[in-house]
N, C-alpha and C. Protein backbone atom coordinates (compact mmCIF):
# COMPACT_ATOMS: atom_id res chain seq x y z
N MET A 1 0.86 -1.19 0.00
CA MET A 1 0.00 0.00 0.00
C MET A 1 0.90 1.25 0.00
N THR A 2 0.59 2.19 -0.86
CA THR A 2 1.38 3.40 -0.96
C THR A 2 0.64 4.58 -0.34
N TRP A 3 1.41 5.59 0.01
CA TRP A 3 0.83 6.81 0.56
C TRP A 3 0.05 7.55 -0.53
N HIS A 4 -1.04 8.17 -0.13
CA HIS A 4 -1.73 9.08 -1.03
C HIS A 4 -0.76 10.23 -1.34
N PRO A 5 -0.63 10.63 -2.60
CA PRO A 5 0.39 11.63 -2.95
C PRO A 5 0.20 12.99 -2.28
N ASP A 6 -1.02 13.30 -1.84
CA ASP A 6 -1.28 14.61 -1.24
C ASP A 6 -1.17 14.62 0.28
N ILE A 7 -0.82 13.49 0.88
CA ILE A 7 -0.55 13.50 2.32
C ILE A 7 0.79 14.20 2.54
N PRO A 8 0.84 15.22 3.40
CA PRO A 8 2.10 15.96 3.60
C PRO A 8 3.24 15.03 4.02
N LEU A 9 4.41 15.29 3.48
CA LEU A 9 5.57 14.47 3.81
C LEU A 9 5.88 14.50 5.30
N GLU A 10 5.64 15.65 5.93
CA GLU A 10 5.96 15.78 7.37
C GLU A 10 4.98 15.02 8.26
N TYR A 11 3.92 14.46 7.68
CA TYR A 11 2.97 13.64 8.43
C TYR A 11 3.32 12.15 8.39
N ARG A 12 4.12 11.74 7.43
CA ARG A 12 4.29 10.31 7.14
C ARG A 12 5.20 9.63 8.15
N ASN A 13 4.60 8.69 8.90
CA ASN A 13 5.29 7.98 9.97
C ASN A 13 5.91 8.95 10.97
N GLN A 14 5.11 9.95 11.33
CA GLN A 14 5.54 10.96 12.29
C GLN A 14 4.44 11.22 13.32
N ILE A 15 4.88 11.62 14.51
CA ILE A 15 3.97 12.14 15.54
C ILE A 15 4.09 13.66 15.49
N VAL A 16 3.02 14.31 15.07
CA VAL A 16 3.02 15.75 14.83
C VAL A 16 2.38 16.44 16.03
N THR A 17 3.05 17.45 16.56
CA THR A 17 2.52 18.19 17.69
C THR A 17 1.55 19.26 17.20
N GLY A 18 0.36 19.27 17.78
CA GLY A 18 -0.62 20.29 17.41
C GLY A 18 -2.04 19.80 17.63
N ASP A 19 -2.99 20.67 17.35
CA ASP A 19 -4.41 20.39 17.52
C ASP A 19 -4.88 19.52 16.36
N ALA A 20 -5.39 18.34 16.67
CA ALA A 20 -5.83 17.42 15.62
C ALA A 20 -6.89 18.03 14.72
N ARG A 21 -7.74 18.89 15.28
CA ARG A 21 -8.80 19.50 14.47
C ARG A 21 -8.22 20.35 13.35
N GLU A 22 -7.10 20.98 13.59
CA GLU A 22 -6.44 21.78 12.56
C GLU A 22 -5.56 20.91 11.66
N LEU A 23 -4.78 20.03 12.27
CA LEU A 23 -3.85 19.21 11.49
C LEU A 23 -4.58 18.29 10.52
N ALA A 24 -5.74 17.79 10.92
CA ALA A 24 -6.47 16.85 10.07
C ALA A 24 -6.98 17.48 8.79
N LYS A 25 -7.09 18.79 8.77
CA LYS A 25 -7.59 19.46 7.57
C LYS A 25 -6.67 19.22 6.37
N ARG A 26 -5.41 18.90 6.61
CA ARG A 26 -4.46 18.67 5.52
C ARG A 26 -4.46 17.22 5.03
N ILE A 27 -5.25 16.36 5.65
CA ILE A 27 -5.32 14.97 5.20
C ILE A 27 -6.34 14.87 4.07
N PRO A 28 -5.95 14.36 2.92
CA PRO A 28 -6.88 14.30 1.77
C PRO A 28 -8.06 13.36 2.03
N ASP A 29 -9.11 13.59 1.30
CA ASP A 29 -10.27 12.70 1.34
C ASP A 29 -9.87 11.29 0.90
N GLU A 30 -10.48 10.30 1.56
CA GLU A 30 -10.33 8.90 1.19
C GLU A 30 -8.87 8.49 1.01
N SER A 31 -8.05 8.79 2.02
CA SER A 31 -6.62 8.50 1.94
C SER A 31 -6.12 7.60 3.07
N ILE A 32 -6.98 7.22 4.01
CA ILE A 32 -6.57 6.51 5.21
C ILE A 32 -7.22 5.13 5.24
N ASP A 33 -6.44 4.13 5.70
CA ASP A 33 -6.93 2.75 5.74
C ASP A 33 -7.58 2.38 7.07
N LEU A 34 -7.25 3.07 8.14
CA LEU A 34 -7.86 2.81 9.45
C LEU A 34 -7.63 4.02 10.33
N ILE A 35 -8.67 4.46 11.04
CA ILE A 35 -8.48 5.37 12.16
C ILE A 35 -8.56 4.54 13.43
N PHE A 36 -7.52 4.63 14.25
CA PHE A 36 -7.43 3.89 15.50
C PHE A 36 -6.92 4.89 16.54
N THR A 37 -7.74 5.22 17.54
CA THR A 37 -7.38 6.34 18.39
C THR A 37 -8.00 6.22 19.78
N ASP A 38 -7.55 7.07 20.69
CA ASP A 38 -7.94 7.00 22.09
C ASP A 38 -8.18 8.42 22.62
N PRO A 39 -9.37 8.99 22.37
CA PRO A 39 -9.64 10.37 22.82
C PRO A 39 -9.75 10.47 24.34
N VAL A 40 -9.82 11.70 24.83
CA VAL A 40 -10.16 11.94 26.24
C VAL A 40 -11.65 11.65 26.39
N TYR A 41 -11.99 10.74 27.29
CA TYR A 41 -13.32 10.14 27.27
C TYR A 41 -14.46 11.09 27.56
N ASP A 42 -14.23 12.09 28.41
CA ASP A 42 -15.35 12.97 28.77
C ASP A 42 -15.53 14.13 27.80
N ARG A 43 -14.67 14.23 26.79
CA ARG A 43 -14.83 15.27 25.77
C ARG A 43 -15.69 14.71 24.63
N ILE A 44 -16.97 14.60 24.91
CA ILE A 44 -17.88 13.92 24.01
C ILE A 44 -17.94 14.58 22.64
N GLU A 45 -17.76 15.90 22.60
CA GLU A 45 -17.80 16.58 21.30
C GLU A 45 -16.69 16.10 20.37
N ASP A 46 -15.59 15.60 20.94
CA ASP A 46 -14.51 15.07 20.10
C ASP A 46 -14.95 13.84 19.33
N TYR A 47 -15.86 13.06 19.90
CA TYR A 47 -16.32 11.85 19.22
C TYR A 47 -17.18 12.21 18.00
N GLU A 48 -17.98 13.25 18.12
CA GLU A 48 -18.76 13.69 16.96
C GLU A 48 -17.82 14.16 15.85
N TRP A 49 -16.81 14.98 16.23
CA TRP A 49 -15.83 15.44 15.24
C TRP A 49 -15.06 14.26 14.65
N LEU A 50 -14.71 13.29 15.48
CA LEU A 50 -13.99 12.11 15.03
C LEU A 50 -14.79 11.36 13.97
N ALA A 51 -16.10 11.21 14.19
CA ALA A 51 -16.95 10.52 13.22
C ALA A 51 -17.02 11.31 11.91
N GLU A 52 -17.14 12.61 11.99
CA GLU A 52 -17.19 13.45 10.79
C GLU A 52 -15.89 13.34 10.01
N THR A 53 -14.77 13.35 10.72
CA THR A 53 -13.46 13.25 10.07
C THR A 53 -13.29 11.88 9.42
N ALA A 54 -13.73 10.84 10.12
CA ALA A 54 -13.64 9.49 9.55
C ALA A 54 -14.41 9.38 8.25
N ALA A 55 -15.60 9.98 8.22
CA ALA A 55 -16.42 9.92 7.00
C ALA A 55 -15.70 10.56 5.81
N ARG A 56 -14.84 11.51 6.08
CA ARG A 56 -14.14 12.21 5.01
C ARG A 56 -12.84 11.53 4.60
N VAL A 57 -11.99 11.17 5.57
CA VAL A 57 -10.62 10.77 5.24
C VAL A 57 -10.45 9.27 5.01
N LEU A 58 -11.38 8.45 5.52
CA LEU A 58 -11.22 7.01 5.33
C LEU A 58 -11.55 6.61 3.90
N LYS A 59 -10.81 5.65 3.40
CA LYS A 59 -11.16 5.04 2.12
C LYS A 59 -12.49 4.30 2.26
N PRO A 60 -13.16 4.03 1.15
CA PRO A 60 -14.44 3.31 1.25
C PRO A 60 -14.29 1.97 1.97
N ASP A 61 -15.25 1.68 2.84
CA ASP A 61 -15.30 0.41 3.58
C ASP A 61 -14.15 0.24 4.56
N LYS A 62 -13.50 1.33 4.97
CA LYS A 62 -12.47 1.26 6.00
C LYS A 62 -13.05 1.70 7.34
N ALA A 63 -12.44 1.25 8.42
CA ALA A 63 -13.05 1.31 9.75
C ALA A 63 -12.48 2.42 10.63
N LEU A 64 -13.29 2.81 11.59
CA LEU A 64 -12.89 3.64 12.72
C LEU A 64 -12.94 2.79 13.97
N LEU A 65 -11.82 2.74 14.70
CA LEU A 65 -11.76 2.10 16.02
C LEU A 65 -11.40 3.17 17.03
N THR A 66 -12.22 3.28 18.07
CA THR A 66 -11.94 4.29 19.09
C THR A 66 -12.22 3.74 20.49
N PHE A 67 -11.32 4.01 21.40
CA PHE A 67 -11.57 3.71 22.80
C PHE A 67 -12.54 4.74 23.37
N TYR A 68 -13.22 4.36 24.43
CA TYR A 68 -14.20 5.26 25.04
C TYR A 68 -14.33 4.92 26.51
N GLY A 69 -14.93 5.81 27.26
CA GLY A 69 -15.13 5.58 28.69
C GLY A 69 -16.46 4.91 28.95
N ILE A 70 -16.45 3.84 29.75
CA ILE A 70 -17.67 3.10 30.03
C ILE A 70 -18.73 4.00 30.66
N GLY A 71 -18.30 4.96 31.46
CA GLY A 71 -19.25 5.87 32.09
C GLY A 71 -19.92 6.84 31.13
N TRP A 72 -19.40 6.92 29.91
CA TRP A 72 -19.97 7.82 28.89
C TRP A 72 -20.47 7.03 27.68
N THR A 73 -20.88 5.80 27.89
CA THR A 73 -21.28 4.93 26.78
C THR A 73 -22.41 5.55 25.96
N GLU A 74 -23.49 5.93 26.61
CA GLU A 74 -24.65 6.46 25.90
C GLU A 74 -24.30 7.72 25.13
N GLU A 75 -23.54 8.62 25.76
CA GLU A 75 -23.17 9.87 25.12
C GLU A 75 -22.22 9.64 23.93
N THR A 76 -21.31 8.68 24.08
CA THR A 76 -20.36 8.39 23.01
C THR A 76 -21.07 7.80 21.79
N TYR A 77 -21.96 6.85 22.02
CA TYR A 77 -22.73 6.27 20.92
C TYR A 77 -23.50 7.35 20.18
N ALA A 78 -24.14 8.24 20.94
CA ALA A 78 -24.95 9.30 20.33
C ALA A 78 -24.09 10.25 19.52
N ALA A 79 -22.90 10.60 20.03
CA ALA A 79 -22.01 11.52 19.32
C ALA A 79 -21.50 10.91 18.01
N LEU A 80 -21.12 9.63 18.04
CA LEU A 80 -20.66 8.98 16.81
C LEU A 80 -21.79 8.89 15.79
N ARG A 81 -22.98 8.60 16.27
CA ARG A 81 -24.13 8.53 15.36
C ARG A 81 -24.43 9.90 14.75
N LYS A 82 -24.38 10.94 15.59
CA LYS A 82 -24.64 12.29 15.11
C LYS A 82 -23.60 12.72 14.08
N GLY A 83 -22.35 12.28 14.27
CA GLY A 83 -21.29 12.62 13.32
C GLY A 83 -21.31 11.79 12.06
N GLY A 84 -22.26 10.87 11.94
CA GLY A 84 -22.40 10.09 10.73
C GLY A 84 -21.65 8.78 10.71
N ARG A 85 -21.22 8.31 11.90
CA ARG A 85 -20.46 7.05 11.97
C ARG A 85 -21.02 6.20 13.11
N PRO A 86 -22.22 5.65 12.97
CA PRO A 86 -22.81 4.86 14.05
C PRO A 86 -21.97 3.64 14.39
N VAL A 87 -22.08 3.18 15.62
CA VAL A 87 -21.28 2.06 16.10
C VAL A 87 -21.74 0.76 15.44
N SER A 88 -20.77 0.01 14.92
CA SER A 88 -21.05 -1.31 14.35
C SER A 88 -21.05 -2.39 15.42
N TRP A 89 -20.10 -2.29 16.37
CA TRP A 89 -19.99 -3.31 17.41
C TRP A 89 -19.09 -2.80 18.53
N MET A 90 -19.30 -3.33 19.72
CA MET A 90 -18.42 -3.06 20.84
C MET A 90 -17.39 -4.17 20.93
N LEU A 91 -16.11 -3.80 21.11
CA LEU A 91 -15.00 -4.76 21.15
C LEU A 91 -14.30 -4.66 22.51
N PRO A 92 -14.86 -5.25 23.56
CA PRO A 92 -14.29 -5.09 24.90
C PRO A 92 -12.92 -5.72 25.04
N VAL A 93 -12.09 -5.09 25.88
CA VAL A 93 -10.75 -5.59 26.19
C VAL A 93 -10.72 -5.99 27.65
N LEU A 94 -10.52 -7.27 27.93
CA LEU A 94 -10.48 -7.77 29.30
C LEU A 94 -9.13 -7.44 29.91
N GLN A 95 -9.14 -6.89 31.11
CA GLN A 95 -7.91 -6.51 31.80
C GLN A 95 -7.50 -7.60 32.78
N ILE A 96 -6.35 -8.18 32.53
CA ILE A 96 -5.86 -9.27 33.38
C ILE A 96 -5.23 -8.67 34.63
N GLY A 97 -5.77 -9.00 35.78
CA GLY A 97 -5.20 -8.55 37.04
C GLY A 97 -5.44 -7.10 37.36
N GLN A 98 -6.40 -6.45 36.67
CA GLN A 98 -6.70 -5.05 36.92
C GLN A 98 -8.20 -4.86 37.08
N THR A 99 -8.57 -3.99 38.00
CA THR A 99 -9.98 -3.66 38.18
C THR A 99 -10.14 -2.15 38.34
N GLN A 100 -11.37 -1.70 38.11
CA GLN A 100 -11.70 -0.29 38.29
C GLN A 100 -13.12 -0.21 38.83
N ARG A 101 -13.32 0.60 39.88
CA ARG A 101 -14.65 0.74 40.43
C ARG A 101 -15.48 1.66 39.54
N ILE A 102 -16.64 1.18 39.11
CA ILE A 102 -17.54 1.98 38.28
C ILE A 102 -18.86 2.27 38.98
N HIS A 103 -19.02 1.70 40.18
CA HIS A 103 -20.25 1.85 40.97
C HIS A 103 -19.88 1.50 42.39
N PRO A 104 -20.57 2.04 43.38
CA PRO A 104 -20.22 1.69 44.77
C PRO A 104 -20.14 0.20 45.04
N LYS A 105 -20.87 -0.62 44.25
CA LYS A 105 -20.86 -2.07 44.49
C LYS A 105 -20.38 -2.87 43.28
N VAL A 106 -19.77 -2.18 42.31
CA VAL A 106 -19.37 -2.87 41.08
C VAL A 106 -17.95 -2.50 40.70
N PHE A 107 -17.14 -3.54 40.41
CA PHE A 107 -15.84 -3.37 39.78
C PHE A 107 -15.92 -3.91 38.36
N ASN A 108 -15.22 -3.27 37.43
CA ASN A 108 -15.18 -3.83 36.08
C ASN A 108 -13.78 -4.32 35.77
N HIS A 109 -13.72 -5.32 34.88
CA HIS A 109 -12.46 -5.94 34.47
C HIS A 109 -12.22 -5.73 32.98
N TRP A 110 -12.81 -4.71 32.39
CA TRP A 110 -12.64 -4.50 30.96
C TRP A 110 -12.69 -3.01 30.64
N TYR A 111 -12.15 -2.66 29.49
CA TYR A 111 -12.32 -1.30 28.99
C TYR A 111 -12.83 -1.37 27.56
N GLY A 112 -13.38 -0.24 27.10
CA GLY A 112 -14.18 -0.28 25.89
C GLY A 112 -13.46 0.19 24.64
N LEU A 113 -13.71 -0.52 23.54
CA LEU A 113 -13.26 -0.14 22.20
C LEU A 113 -14.46 -0.28 21.28
N LEU A 114 -14.70 0.72 20.45
CA LEU A 114 -15.83 0.72 19.54
C LEU A 114 -15.36 0.62 18.09
N TRP A 115 -16.07 -0.18 17.34
CA TRP A 115 -15.87 -0.30 15.90
C TRP A 115 -17.03 0.44 15.24
N ALA A 116 -16.72 1.46 14.47
CA ALA A 116 -17.75 2.31 13.86
C ALA A 116 -17.56 2.35 12.35
N GLY A 117 -18.28 1.50 11.64
CA GLY A 117 -18.27 1.51 10.19
C GLY A 117 -17.06 0.85 9.58
N GLY A 118 -17.19 0.49 8.29
CA GLY A 118 -16.09 -0.16 7.59
C GLY A 118 -16.10 -1.66 7.79
N GLU A 119 -15.18 -2.33 7.10
CA GLU A 119 -15.11 -3.78 7.12
C GLU A 119 -13.74 -4.26 7.59
N PRO A 120 -13.69 -5.31 8.42
CA PRO A 120 -12.40 -5.91 8.78
C PRO A 120 -11.84 -6.71 7.61
N ARG A 121 -10.56 -7.05 7.72
CA ARG A 121 -9.93 -7.84 6.66
C ARG A 121 -10.02 -9.34 6.93
N ARG A 122 -10.49 -9.72 8.12
CA ARG A 122 -10.58 -11.14 8.43
C ARG A 122 -11.64 -11.34 9.52
N THR A 123 -12.01 -12.59 9.74
CA THR A 123 -12.95 -12.94 10.81
C THR A 123 -12.23 -12.89 12.15
N PHE A 124 -12.90 -12.36 13.18
CA PHE A 124 -12.24 -12.23 14.48
C PHE A 124 -13.25 -12.34 15.61
N ALA A 125 -12.75 -12.61 16.81
CA ALA A 125 -13.56 -12.60 18.02
C ALA A 125 -13.68 -11.18 18.54
N ASP A 126 -14.82 -10.85 19.15
CA ASP A 126 -15.03 -9.46 19.55
C ASP A 126 -14.35 -9.10 20.87
N VAL A 127 -13.91 -10.08 21.66
CA VAL A 127 -13.28 -9.81 22.95
C VAL A 127 -11.80 -10.16 22.86
N THR A 128 -10.94 -9.27 23.39
CA THR A 128 -9.51 -9.55 23.48
C THR A 128 -9.07 -9.43 24.93
N ASN A 129 -7.90 -10.00 25.23
CA ASN A 129 -7.30 -9.89 26.55
C ASN A 129 -6.22 -8.83 26.53
N SER A 130 -6.10 -8.10 27.62
CA SER A 130 -5.04 -7.11 27.77
C SER A 130 -3.91 -7.74 28.56
N ALA A 131 -2.96 -8.34 27.84
CA ALA A 131 -1.83 -8.99 28.48
C ALA A 131 -0.82 -7.96 28.93
N ALA A 132 0.20 -8.40 29.62
CA ALA A 132 1.24 -7.49 30.11
C ALA A 132 1.92 -6.79 28.95
N ALA A 133 2.25 -5.50 29.13
CA ALA A 133 2.89 -4.72 28.07
C ALA A 133 4.28 -5.27 27.78
N ARG A 134 4.67 -5.19 26.50
CA ARG A 134 5.97 -5.69 26.09
C ARG A 134 6.86 -4.58 25.58
N LEU A 135 6.28 -3.57 24.93
CA LEU A 135 7.07 -2.47 24.41
C LEU A 135 7.22 -1.40 25.48
N SER A 136 8.19 -0.53 25.33
CA SER A 136 8.42 0.50 26.33
C SER A 136 7.37 1.58 26.24
N GLY A 137 7.18 2.30 27.33
CA GLY A 137 6.21 3.39 27.33
C GLY A 137 6.04 3.94 28.73
N ASN A 138 5.80 5.25 28.86
CA ASN A 138 5.70 5.82 30.19
C ASN A 138 4.57 6.85 30.30
N HIS A 139 3.58 6.78 29.40
CA HIS A 139 2.43 7.65 29.51
C HIS A 139 1.40 6.98 30.40
N ARG A 140 0.78 7.71 31.30
CA ARG A 140 -0.06 7.08 32.31
C ARG A 140 -1.30 6.42 31.74
N TRP A 141 -1.76 6.83 30.55
CA TRP A 141 -2.94 6.22 29.96
C TRP A 141 -2.59 5.22 28.86
N ARG A 142 -1.36 4.79 28.78
CA ARG A 142 -0.98 3.91 27.68
C ARG A 142 -1.72 2.57 27.78
N LYS A 143 -1.95 1.98 26.62
CA LYS A 143 -2.65 0.71 26.52
C LYS A 143 -1.65 -0.43 26.32
N SER A 144 -2.06 -1.62 26.75
CA SER A 144 -1.28 -2.82 26.50
C SER A 144 -1.19 -3.07 24.99
N GLU A 145 -0.06 -3.58 24.54
CA GLU A 145 0.14 -3.77 23.11
C GLU A 145 -0.64 -4.93 22.53
N SER A 146 -0.95 -5.95 23.33
CA SER A 146 -1.55 -7.16 22.76
C SER A 146 -2.90 -6.92 22.09
N PRO A 147 -3.87 -6.21 22.71
CA PRO A 147 -5.13 -5.97 21.99
C PRO A 147 -4.97 -5.01 20.82
N LEU A 148 -4.03 -4.07 20.91
CA LEU A 148 -3.79 -3.16 19.79
C LEU A 148 -3.27 -3.94 18.58
N THR A 149 -2.33 -4.84 18.82
CA THR A 149 -1.80 -5.66 17.75
C THR A 149 -2.90 -6.48 17.10
N LYS A 150 -3.72 -7.10 17.94
CA LYS A 150 -4.81 -7.93 17.43
C LYS A 150 -5.73 -7.13 16.51
N ARG A 151 -6.12 -5.94 16.92
CA ARG A 151 -7.06 -5.16 16.11
C ARG A 151 -6.41 -4.61 14.84
N LEU A 152 -5.13 -4.27 14.90
CA LEU A 152 -4.45 -3.85 13.67
C LEU A 152 -4.43 -4.98 12.65
N LEU A 153 -4.21 -6.20 13.13
CA LEU A 153 -4.21 -7.34 12.22
C LEU A 153 -5.61 -7.64 11.69
N ASP A 154 -6.62 -7.37 12.50
CA ASP A 154 -8.00 -7.62 12.08
C ASP A 154 -8.46 -6.65 10.99
N PHE A 155 -7.95 -5.41 11.03
CA PHE A 155 -8.51 -4.37 10.17
C PHE A 155 -7.56 -3.83 9.11
N THR A 156 -6.29 -4.21 9.12
CA THR A 156 -5.34 -3.66 8.15
C THR A 156 -4.41 -4.73 7.62
N ASP A 157 -3.76 -4.41 6.52
CA ASP A 157 -2.68 -5.21 5.97
C ASP A 157 -1.35 -4.47 6.18
N ALA A 158 -0.26 -5.19 6.03
CA ALA A 158 1.06 -4.57 6.14
C ALA A 158 1.16 -3.37 5.19
N HIS A 159 1.75 -2.29 5.69
CA HIS A 159 1.99 -1.05 4.95
C HIS A 159 0.75 -0.18 4.76
N ASP A 160 -0.40 -0.59 5.29
CA ASP A 160 -1.56 0.30 5.28
C ASP A 160 -1.27 1.53 6.14
N VAL A 161 -2.07 2.59 5.93
CA VAL A 161 -1.88 3.86 6.64
C VAL A 161 -2.92 3.97 7.76
N VAL A 162 -2.42 4.09 8.99
CA VAL A 162 -3.27 4.19 10.18
C VAL A 162 -3.17 5.61 10.72
N LEU A 163 -4.31 6.20 11.04
CA LEU A 163 -4.36 7.56 11.58
C LEU A 163 -4.76 7.50 13.04
N ASP A 164 -3.91 8.06 13.91
CA ASP A 164 -4.19 8.18 15.34
C ASP A 164 -4.28 9.66 15.67
N LEU A 165 -5.49 10.16 15.86
CA LEU A 165 -5.72 11.59 16.03
C LEU A 165 -5.42 12.09 17.44
N PHE A 166 -5.41 11.19 18.42
CA PHE A 166 -5.15 11.56 19.82
C PHE A 166 -4.15 10.56 20.37
N THR A 167 -2.88 10.70 20.01
CA THR A 167 -1.94 9.60 20.19
C THR A 167 -1.46 9.42 21.62
N GLY A 168 -1.53 10.45 22.47
CA GLY A 168 -1.08 10.27 23.85
C GLY A 168 0.35 9.78 23.90
N GLY A 169 0.57 8.70 24.65
CA GLY A 169 1.92 8.17 24.82
C GLY A 169 2.43 7.32 23.69
N GLY A 170 1.66 7.17 22.62
CA GLY A 170 2.17 6.51 21.42
C GLY A 170 1.99 5.01 21.35
N SER A 171 1.07 4.44 22.15
CA SER A 171 0.89 2.99 22.14
C SER A 171 0.51 2.49 20.75
N ILE A 172 -0.45 3.14 20.13
CA ILE A 172 -0.94 2.65 18.83
C ILE A 172 0.13 2.78 17.76
N VAL A 173 0.83 3.91 17.71
CA VAL A 173 1.83 4.08 16.65
C VAL A 173 3.05 3.19 16.89
N ALA A 174 3.38 2.89 18.15
CA ALA A 174 4.46 1.94 18.41
C ALA A 174 4.12 0.57 17.86
N VAL A 175 2.88 0.15 18.04
CA VAL A 175 2.46 -1.14 17.51
C VAL A 175 2.37 -1.09 15.99
N CYS A 176 2.00 0.06 15.41
CA CYS A 176 2.06 0.20 13.95
C CYS A 176 3.47 -0.07 13.44
N LYS A 177 4.45 0.51 14.09
CA LYS A 177 5.84 0.30 13.67
C LYS A 177 6.22 -1.17 13.81
N TYR A 178 5.81 -1.78 14.90
CA TYR A 178 6.17 -3.17 15.17
C TYR A 178 5.52 -4.13 14.18
N THR A 179 4.35 -3.79 13.68
CA THR A 179 3.62 -4.68 12.78
C THR A 179 3.69 -4.22 11.31
N ILE A 180 4.60 -3.34 11.00
CA ILE A 180 4.86 -2.90 9.63
C ILE A 180 3.65 -2.17 9.04
N ARG A 181 3.04 -1.29 9.84
CA ARG A 181 2.00 -0.40 9.33
C ARG A 181 2.53 1.02 9.28
N ASN A 182 2.13 1.79 8.27
CA ASN A 182 2.43 3.21 8.24
C ASN A 182 1.46 3.94 9.17
N TYR A 183 1.84 5.13 9.61
CA TYR A 183 0.97 5.86 10.53
C TYR A 183 1.12 7.36 10.37
N ILE A 184 0.07 8.05 10.79
CA ILE A 184 0.06 9.49 11.02
C ILE A 184 -0.50 9.68 12.41
N ALA A 185 0.17 10.46 13.24
CA ALA A 185 -0.28 10.63 14.63
C ALA A 185 -0.19 12.09 15.04
N PHE A 186 -1.19 12.53 15.79
CA PHE A 186 -1.24 13.90 16.29
C PHE A 186 -1.34 13.88 17.81
N GLU A 187 -0.65 14.82 18.46
CA GLU A 187 -0.72 14.98 19.91
C GLU A 187 -0.58 16.46 20.24
N ILE A 188 -1.54 16.97 20.98
CA ILE A 188 -1.58 18.42 21.23
C ILE A 188 -0.59 18.87 22.29
N ASP A 189 -0.22 17.99 23.22
CA ASP A 189 0.68 18.38 24.30
C ASP A 189 2.14 18.09 23.91
N PRO A 190 3.01 19.09 23.83
CA PRO A 190 4.38 18.87 23.36
C PRO A 190 5.16 17.87 24.21
N GLU A 191 5.02 17.92 25.52
CA GLU A 191 5.77 16.99 26.37
C GLU A 191 5.31 15.56 26.14
N THR A 192 4.01 15.36 26.04
CA THR A 192 3.48 14.02 25.77
C THR A 192 3.92 13.54 24.40
N ALA A 193 3.91 14.42 23.41
CA ALA A 193 4.36 14.05 22.06
C ALA A 193 5.82 13.60 22.08
N ASP A 194 6.65 14.27 22.86
CA ASP A 194 8.06 13.86 22.96
C ASP A 194 8.19 12.47 23.57
N LEU A 195 7.38 12.18 24.60
CA LEU A 195 7.39 10.84 25.20
C LEU A 195 6.98 9.78 24.17
N ALA A 196 5.96 10.13 23.38
CA ALA A 196 5.50 9.18 22.36
C ALA A 196 6.59 8.94 21.31
N ARG A 197 7.27 10.00 20.89
CA ARG A 197 8.34 9.84 19.89
C ARG A 197 9.46 8.96 20.45
N GLU A 198 9.78 9.16 21.72
CA GLU A 198 10.83 8.34 22.34
C GLU A 198 10.41 6.87 22.36
N ARG A 199 9.14 6.64 22.68
CA ARG A 199 8.66 5.26 22.70
C ARG A 199 8.76 4.62 21.33
N VAL A 200 8.32 5.32 20.30
CA VAL A 200 8.37 4.77 18.95
C VAL A 200 9.81 4.56 18.51
N LEU A 201 10.69 5.49 18.85
CA LEU A 201 12.11 5.34 18.51
C LEU A 201 12.70 4.08 19.12
N ASN A 202 12.25 3.73 20.32
CA ASN A 202 12.77 2.56 21.02
C ASN A 202 12.05 1.27 20.65
N THR A 203 11.08 1.35 19.77
CA THR A 203 10.36 0.17 19.30
C THR A 203 11.04 -0.36 18.05
N GLN A 204 11.47 -1.60 18.10
CA GLN A 204 12.19 -2.18 16.98
C GLN A 204 11.25 -3.01 16.13
N PRO A 205 11.16 -2.72 14.82
CA PRO A 205 10.35 -3.56 13.94
C PRO A 205 11.04 -4.90 13.72
N PRO A 206 10.30 -5.90 13.22
CA PRO A 206 10.94 -7.19 12.91
C PRO A 206 12.05 -7.03 11.88
N LEU A 207 12.98 -7.98 11.86
CA LEU A 207 14.08 -7.94 10.90
C LEU A 207 13.61 -8.31 9.50
N PHE A 208 12.43 -8.92 9.39
CA PHE A 208 11.86 -9.23 8.09
C PHE A 208 10.37 -8.96 8.19
N VAL A 209 9.71 -8.82 7.03
CA VAL A 209 8.28 -8.55 7.00
C VAL A 209 7.54 -9.87 7.18
N PRO A 210 6.84 -10.08 8.31
CA PRO A 210 6.18 -11.37 8.53
C PRO A 210 4.95 -11.53 7.64
N GLU A 211 4.60 -12.76 7.40
CA GLU A 211 3.32 -13.08 6.78
C GLU A 211 2.22 -12.91 7.83
N PRO A 212 0.96 -12.71 7.39
CA PRO A 212 -0.11 -12.53 8.37
C PRO A 212 -0.16 -13.63 9.42
N GLU A 213 0.09 -14.89 9.03
CA GLU A 213 0.04 -15.98 9.98
C GLU A 213 1.11 -15.84 11.06
N GLN A 214 2.27 -15.30 10.67
CA GLN A 214 3.34 -15.11 11.64
C GLN A 214 3.03 -13.93 12.56
N LEU A 215 2.44 -12.87 12.01
CA LEU A 215 2.04 -11.73 12.85
C LEU A 215 1.02 -12.15 13.89
N ASP A 216 0.19 -13.14 13.59
CA ASP A 216 -0.79 -13.61 14.55
C ASP A 216 -0.13 -14.19 15.80
N MET A 217 1.13 -14.56 15.70
CA MET A 217 1.83 -15.13 16.83
C MET A 217 2.43 -14.09 17.75
N ILE A 218 2.35 -12.78 17.38
CA ILE A 218 2.94 -11.72 18.20
C ILE A 218 2.22 -11.65 19.53
């Protein structure tokens, strides 16, 4: 898969510091193979904008994957629907050895990922496990690499272009590098962007390009 010729060179396989709402304006229509991102959960208006952006920049039949806060489920679904990208399915990630209180009498063992529109490249199970992290990273909201790897394999092929509009500590783009995916990533906070760049720099891709069956073993 090749880059769309109108994607700025400074965006290609880079973490760009700035406001995603402004930076995304330079991404051409129908030029992205997957949006995979992790917004701030209580900023519900970002989900509506995310859906609108996905409708413009994704190639036909390509997917949007976004993490969300369980406490804002109803609001997040409504925002994605309003932005023109209704939820196709919920893809929960089970947290091994971790819990979070969501009610005075309830702990949860999972966090939420939504699939909104588009088609996967293969058949997959909707639930994944969040195993121990393997790649380096020091952002407090970083995600385990195992479910990220699984979903990248489910929805993209090697060398596809993945857009992460709210990259945070760089978990998604580090896994893009590890699985031979191209990426564009935006982060508004300069210090956080520097941490993400350091993480990606310290992530080593395989010495050869694996076949899909071999990537499944990661």
